[in-house]
Amino acid sequence: MVKDMKRKVLIAIDHKWRDLPGYVYIGELLKNKGFEVEYCRNGLESFYIQGFKPNIIIINHLYDKARQRYFNKVANWGVKVVILPTEGIPTLEKFREFAAGVDNDLSCISLHFLWNQPMLEMTDKNTTIERNKLKVVGVPRFDFYKNPLKSTLT
């Protein structure tokens, strides 16, 4: 479905306005690297995947069982599925386990960004994602509340 195409990235954005700056910033960085980038509303990915035909899709989580089945199909079409988490309360133990893959099928994930080293350890323990596909990047949403990115909000 996606062979012989330019490098295309679809970024699915949650409805919360506070996720928008980080995802648009990432999109702009990718455009500067030669990628073609489209944005869609979280939950509407299937419409964009059919039309835009991305090589990579960035989503913020994969908790819902139906979405897990859908993104397994997407990965089988050759689309790389990347998780960049933008939310969650990392101090809640049960949520951490859930976000780290407990009772979730994350087998379609090509790359999983994580908040911190403890989340990396938990995700490594609870999923079949290869360790080299787990990367600690912090909490992207909050990067825009401090310098130097704070100035981009205005």
Protein backbone atom coordinates (compact mmCIF):
# COMPACT_ATOMS: atom_id res chain seq x y z
CA MET A 1 0.00 0.00 0.00
CA VAL A 2 2.78 2.50 0.76
CA LYS A 3 5.70 1.30 -1.34
CA ASP A 4 7.61 3.58 -3.70
CA MET A 5 6.46 6.83 -2.12
CA LYS A 6 8.01 9.93 -0.70
CA ARG A 7 8.63 10.02 3.03
CA LYS A 8 5.22 10.89 4.42
CA VAL A 9 4.26 11.30 8.06
CA LEU A 10 0.74 11.47 9.44
CA ILE A 11 0.49 13.00 12.90
CA ALA A 12 -2.72 12.27 14.81
CA ILE A 13 -3.46 15.03 17.31
CA ASP A 14 -5.64 14.58 20.37
CA HIS A 15 -8.47 17.07 20.83
CA LYS A 16 -6.73 18.93 23.61
CA TRP A 17 -5.26 22.25 22.47
CA ARG A 18 -2.23 21.72 24.68
CA ASP A 19 -1.00 18.86 22.46
CA LEU A 20 -1.15 20.92 19.28
CA PRO A 21 2.04 23.03 19.70
CA GLY A 22 4.31 20.03 20.25
CA TYR A 23 2.93 18.04 17.36
CA VAL A 24 3.03 20.99 14.96
CA TYR A 25 6.60 21.74 16.06
CA ILE A 26 7.60 18.13 15.39
CA GLY A 27 5.82 18.32 12.03
CA GLU A 28 7.75 21.45 11.10
CA LEU A 29 11.04 19.83 12.08
CA LEU A 30 10.14 16.82 9.91
CA LYS A 31 9.22 19.09 6.98
CA ASN A 32 12.63 20.75 7.32
CA LYS A 33 14.17 17.26 7.00
CA GLY A 34 12.30 16.63 3.73
CA PHE A 35 9.23 14.79 4.98
CA GLU A 36 5.73 15.52 3.76
CA VAL A 37 3.54 15.96 6.86
CA GLU A 38 -0.23 15.88 7.36
CA TYR A 39 -2.18 16.27 10.58
CA CYS A 40 -5.46 14.67 11.55
CA ARG A 41 -7.72 14.47 14.55
CA ASN A 42 -7.00 11.50 16.82
CA GLY A 43 -9.53 8.81 15.89
CA LEU A 44 -9.82 9.85 12.25
CA GLU A 45 -6.56 8.24 11.14
CA SER A 46 -8.25 5.65 8.91
CA PHE A 47 -9.60 8.34 6.57
CA TYR A 48 -6.20 9.99 6.22
CA ILE A 49 -4.26 6.76 5.88
CA GLN A 50 -6.35 5.78 2.86
CA GLY A 51 -5.93 9.17 1.14
CA PHE A 52 -2.53 10.43 2.26
CA LYS A 53 -0.86 6.99 2.37
CA PRO A 54 1.83 7.79 4.97
CA ASN A 55 4.99 5.80 5.57
CA ILE A 56 4.86 6.72 9.27
CA ILE A 57 2.01 7.58 11.62
CA ILE A 58 2.57 9.21 15.01
CA ILE A 59 -0.09 8.60 17.66
CA ASN A 60 -0.19 9.52 21.34
CA HIS A 61 -1.27 6.15 22.75
CA LEU A 62 -2.75 2.80 21.83
CA TYR A 63 -5.00 1.75 24.71
CA ASP A 64 -8.25 0.84 22.94
CA LYS A 65 -8.50 -2.80 21.78
CA ALA A 66 -10.24 -1.90 18.49
CA ARG A 67 -7.51 0.65 17.72
CA GLN A 68 -4.87 -1.96 18.55
CA ARG A 69 -6.41 -4.32 15.97
CA TYR A 70 -6.65 -1.50 13.42
CA PHE A 71 -3.04 -0.39 13.84
CA ASN A 72 -1.87 -4.01 13.57
CA LYS A 73 -3.46 -3.98 10.10
CA VAL A 74 -1.85 -0.61 9.33
CA ALA A 75 1.57 -1.99 10.31
CA ASN A 76 0.98 -5.00 8.05
CA TRP A 77 0.45 -2.54 5.16
CA GLY A 78 4.01 -1.33 5.74
CA VAL A 79 3.22 1.83 7.72
CA LYS A 80 5.50 2.44 10.70
CA VAL A 81 3.46 3.14 13.84
CA VAL A 82 5.11 5.43 16.40
CA ILE A 83 3.83 6.30 19.88
CA LEU A 84 4.68 9.73 21.25
CA PRO A 85 2.78 9.97 24.56
CA THR A 86 1.56 13.43 25.46
CA GLU A 87 -0.57 12.73 28.47
CA GLY A 88 -0.99 10.65 31.55
CA ILE A 89 -0.27 10.93 35.21
CA PRO A 90 3.02 9.10 35.66
CA THR A 91 2.66 9.14 39.44
CA LEU A 92 -0.35 6.80 39.32
CA GLU A 93 1.00 3.26 39.55
CA LYS A 94 -1.89 1.52 37.74
CA PHE A 95 -1.83 4.09 34.96
CA ARG A 96 1.92 3.64 34.52
CA GLU A 97 1.43 -0.11 34.09
CA PHE A 98 -1.40 0.44 31.62
CA ALA A 99 0.64 2.99 29.65
CA ALA A 100 3.59 0.60 29.72
CA GLY A 101 1.63 -2.03 27.84
CA VAL A 102 0.03 -4.20 30.52
CA ASP A 103 -3.04 -5.82 28.88
CA ASN A 104 -2.38 -3.96 25.61
CA ASP A 105 -1.17 -5.33 22.29
CA LEU A 106 1.62 -3.03 21.17
CA SER A 107 3.15 -5.52 18.72
CA CYS A 108 2.58 -3.14 15.77
CA ILE A 109 4.77 -0.39 17.24
CA SER A 110 7.92 0.47 15.30
CA LEU A 111 9.12 3.08 17.80
CA HIS A 112 7.84 4.02 21.25
CA PHE A 113 8.93 7.25 22.88
CA LEU A 114 8.70 7.31 26.67
CA TRP A 115 8.59 9.82 29.54
CA ASN A 116 11.50 8.51 31.58
CA GLN A 117 13.77 5.57 32.39
CA PRO A 118 11.27 3.86 34.76
CA MET A 119 8.66 3.91 31.95
CA LEU A 120 11.24 2.43 29.59
CA GLU A 121 11.93 -0.39 32.05
CA MET A 122 8.21 -1.09 32.56
CA THR A 123 7.45 -1.02 28.83
CA ASP A 124 10.40 -3.27 28.09
CA LYS A 125 9.12 -5.76 30.67
CA ASN A 126 5.46 -5.66 29.57
CA THR A 127 5.61 -5.63 25.76
CA THR A 128 7.20 -7.44 22.86
CA ILE A 129 8.67 -4.19 21.52
CA GLU A 130 12.41 -4.59 21.05
CA ARG A 131 14.42 -2.56 23.57
CA ASN A 132 16.19 -0.58 20.84
CA LYS A 133 12.76 0.70 19.70
CA LEU A 134 12.08 2.27 23.12
CA LYS A 135 13.45 5.83 23.49
CA VAL A 136 13.25 8.16 26.49
CA VAL A 137 12.36 11.71 25.38
CA GLY A 138 10.61 13.24 28.40
CA VAL A 139 7.07 14.61 28.32
CA PRO A 140 6.79 16.57 25.05
CA ARG A 141 3.66 18.51 26.00
CA PHE A 142 5.43 20.28 28.84
CA ASP A 143 8.50 21.27 26.84
CA PHE A 144 6.50 24.25 25.59
CA TYR A 145 6.13 25.77 29.04
CA LYS A 146 9.82 26.51 29.45
CA ASN A 147 12.52 28.16 27.33
CA PRO A 148 13.48 28.00 24.52
CA LEU A 149 10.18 26.61 23.14
CA LYS A 150 7.96 28.80 25.33
CA SER A 151 8.36 31.68 22.89
CA THR A 152 6.87 29.62 20.04
CA LEU A 153 3.46 29.52 21.72
CA THR A 154 2.89 33.22 21.15
